[in-house]
Amino acid sequence: MSAAIATGVLAAAGIYLLLHGSLVRVVIGFLLLQHAVNLLLVTARSPQRDEAPILPAVAPQDPLGQAFVVTAIVIGFASVIFLLALTLRYVRAVRASGSAGRGNSAVESASGEGGGGASW
């Protein structure tokens, strides 16, 4: 039950941050949503939740679910690093062009600068 609550909280926080305007918060929301999906896969994998995965009395579980989750973690990590690199490059390109001082709200929200709203 606690894993289901944690999955729901992670998914809700991830979706909330994805819908936010800041680029850094979008990346963090994407990361939280990936963790929610991984936790969902781990908890949904075992039909016998109270038993250990390897016991002498029962047949051992298939490790395919854990392999999928490990693969998803590695792919998710690479995609988050790629999104962070794109965000950083975007902020640097807009600052170099000189339009950051003219009220570009996307850059101000991405870099945490600006007058209004919550900042990172």
Protein backbone atom coordinates (compact mmCIF):
# COMPACT_ATOMS: atom_id res chain seq x y z
CA MET A 1 0.00 0.00 0.00
CA SER A 2 2.80 2.44 0.80
CA ALA A 3 4.45 1.76 -2.57
CA ALA A 4 1.19 2.66 -4.32
CA ILE A 5 0.99 5.92 -2.38
CA ALA A 6 4.62 6.73 -3.19
CA THR A 7 3.99 5.99 -6.87
CA GLY A 8 0.96 8.26 -6.90
CA VAL A 9 2.78 11.09 -5.13
CA LEU A 10 5.76 10.85 -7.50
CA ALA A 11 3.50 10.79 -10.55
CA ALA A 12 1.42 13.74 -9.32
CA ALA A 13 4.49 15.82 -8.49
CA GLY A 14 6.07 14.92 -11.83
CA ILE A 15 3.00 15.93 -13.82
CA TYR A 16 2.67 19.15 -11.84
CA LEU A 17 6.28 20.09 -12.54
CA LEU A 18 5.97 19.11 -16.22
CA LEU A 19 3.11 21.57 -16.60
CA HIS A 20 5.14 24.35 -14.99
CA GLY A 21 6.78 27.03 -17.12
CA SER A 22 10.37 26.71 -15.93
CA LEU A 23 12.64 24.51 -18.02
CA VAL A 24 14.53 23.20 -14.99
CA ARG A 25 11.26 22.24 -13.30
CA VAL A 26 10.14 20.46 -16.46
CA VAL A 27 13.33 18.37 -16.38
CA ILE A 28 12.82 17.58 -12.68
CA GLY A 29 9.19 16.66 -13.39
CA PHE A 30 10.32 14.34 -16.16
CA LEU A 31 12.74 12.69 -13.73
CA LEU A 32 10.04 12.24 -11.06
CA LEU A 33 7.66 10.74 -13.59
CA GLN A 34 10.34 8.26 -14.66
CA HIS A 35 10.87 7.23 -11.04
CA ALA A 36 7.12 6.77 -10.61
CA VAL A 37 6.96 4.45 -13.63
CA ASN A 38 9.97 2.46 -12.39
CA LEU A 39 8.39 2.08 -8.95
CA LEU A 40 5.13 1.00 -10.57
CA LEU A 41 6.95 -1.66 -12.59
CA VAL A 42 8.76 -2.99 -9.53
CA THR A 43 5.64 -3.17 -7.37
CA ALA A 44 3.42 -4.62 -10.10
CA ARG A 45 5.97 -7.29 -11.00
CA SER A 46 5.40 -9.63 -8.05
CA PRO A 47 1.93 -11.12 -7.52
CA GLN A 48 3.06 -12.44 -4.12
CA ARG A 49 4.09 -9.20 -2.45
CA ASP A 50 4.71 -10.60 1.02
CA GLU A 51 7.12 -13.36 0.01
CA ALA A 52 10.80 -13.16 -0.80
CA PRO A 53 11.63 -13.54 -4.50
CA ILE A 54 13.72 -16.68 -3.92
CA LEU A 55 12.51 -19.27 -1.43
CA PRO A 56 13.12 -23.02 -1.45
CA ALA A 57 9.38 -23.78 -1.09
CA VAL A 58 8.23 -21.80 -4.12
CA ALA A 59 9.53 -21.43 -7.63
CA PRO A 60 11.95 -18.50 -8.09
CA GLN A 61 10.58 -15.44 -9.83
CA ASP A 62 11.58 -14.46 -13.32
CA PRO A 63 14.18 -11.66 -13.19
CA LEU A 64 12.92 -10.12 -16.44
CA GLY A 65 10.98 -7.41 -14.60
CA GLN A 66 14.06 -6.28 -12.69
CA ALA A 67 16.05 -6.25 -15.93
CA PHE A 68 13.44 -4.00 -17.54
CA VAL A 69 13.55 -1.60 -14.59
CA VAL A 70 17.36 -1.42 -14.62
CA THR A 71 17.26 -0.73 -18.36
CA ALA A 72 14.61 1.96 -17.82
CA ILE A 73 16.74 3.59 -15.11
CA VAL A 74 19.78 3.78 -17.40
CA ILE A 75 17.77 5.13 -20.34
CA GLY A 76 16.01 7.62 -18.05
CA PHE A 77 19.30 8.86 -16.65
CA ALA A 78 20.68 9.41 -20.15
CA SER A 79 17.55 11.24 -21.29
CA VAL A 80 17.58 13.54 -18.23
CA ILE A 81 21.24 14.40 -18.83
CA PHE A 82 20.38 15.15 -22.46
CA LEU A 83 17.47 17.39 -21.41
CA LEU A 84 19.70 19.25 -18.95
CA ALA A 85 22.32 19.76 -21.66
CA LEU A 86 19.68 21.11 -24.04
CA THR A 87 18.35 23.46 -21.35
CA LEU A 88 21.82 24.76 -20.57
CA ARG A 89 22.62 25.28 -24.24
CA TYR A 90 19.33 27.10 -24.78
CA VAL A 91 19.96 29.46 -21.87
CA ARG A 92 23.51 30.18 -23.05
CA ALA A 93 22.37 30.82 -26.64
CA VAL A 94 19.67 33.25 -25.61
CA ARG A 95 21.99 35.08 -23.22
CA ALA A 96 24.65 35.33 -25.93
CA SER A 97 22.17 36.83 -28.37
CA GLY A 98 21.41 39.58 -25.88
CA SER A 99 17.67 39.04 -25.62
CA ALA A 100 17.79 37.98 -21.95
CA GLY A 101 17.69 41.62 -20.85
CA ARG A 102 14.60 42.38 -22.94
CA GLY A 103 12.19 40.35 -20.83
CA ASN A 104 12.37 36.90 -22.39
CA SER A 105 10.27 34.99 -19.86
CA ALA A 106 11.36 31.52 -21.03
CA VAL A 107 15.01 32.24 -20.30
CA GLU A 108 14.23 34.04 -17.08
CA SER A 109 12.18 31.11 -15.83
CA ALA A 110 14.80 28.61 -17.01
CA SER A 111 17.69 30.34 -15.34
CA GLY A 112 15.80 31.30 -12.20
CA GLU A 113 16.14 35.04 -12.87
CA GLY A 114 13.39 37.50 -13.40
CA GLY A 115 11.02 39.68 -11.50
CA GLY A 116 7.80 37.76 -11.14
CA GLY A 117 6.78 34.30 -10.09
CA ALA A 118 8.54 31.60 -8.17
CA SER A 119 12.16 30.95 -9.02
CA TRP A 120 14.23 27.82 -8.79
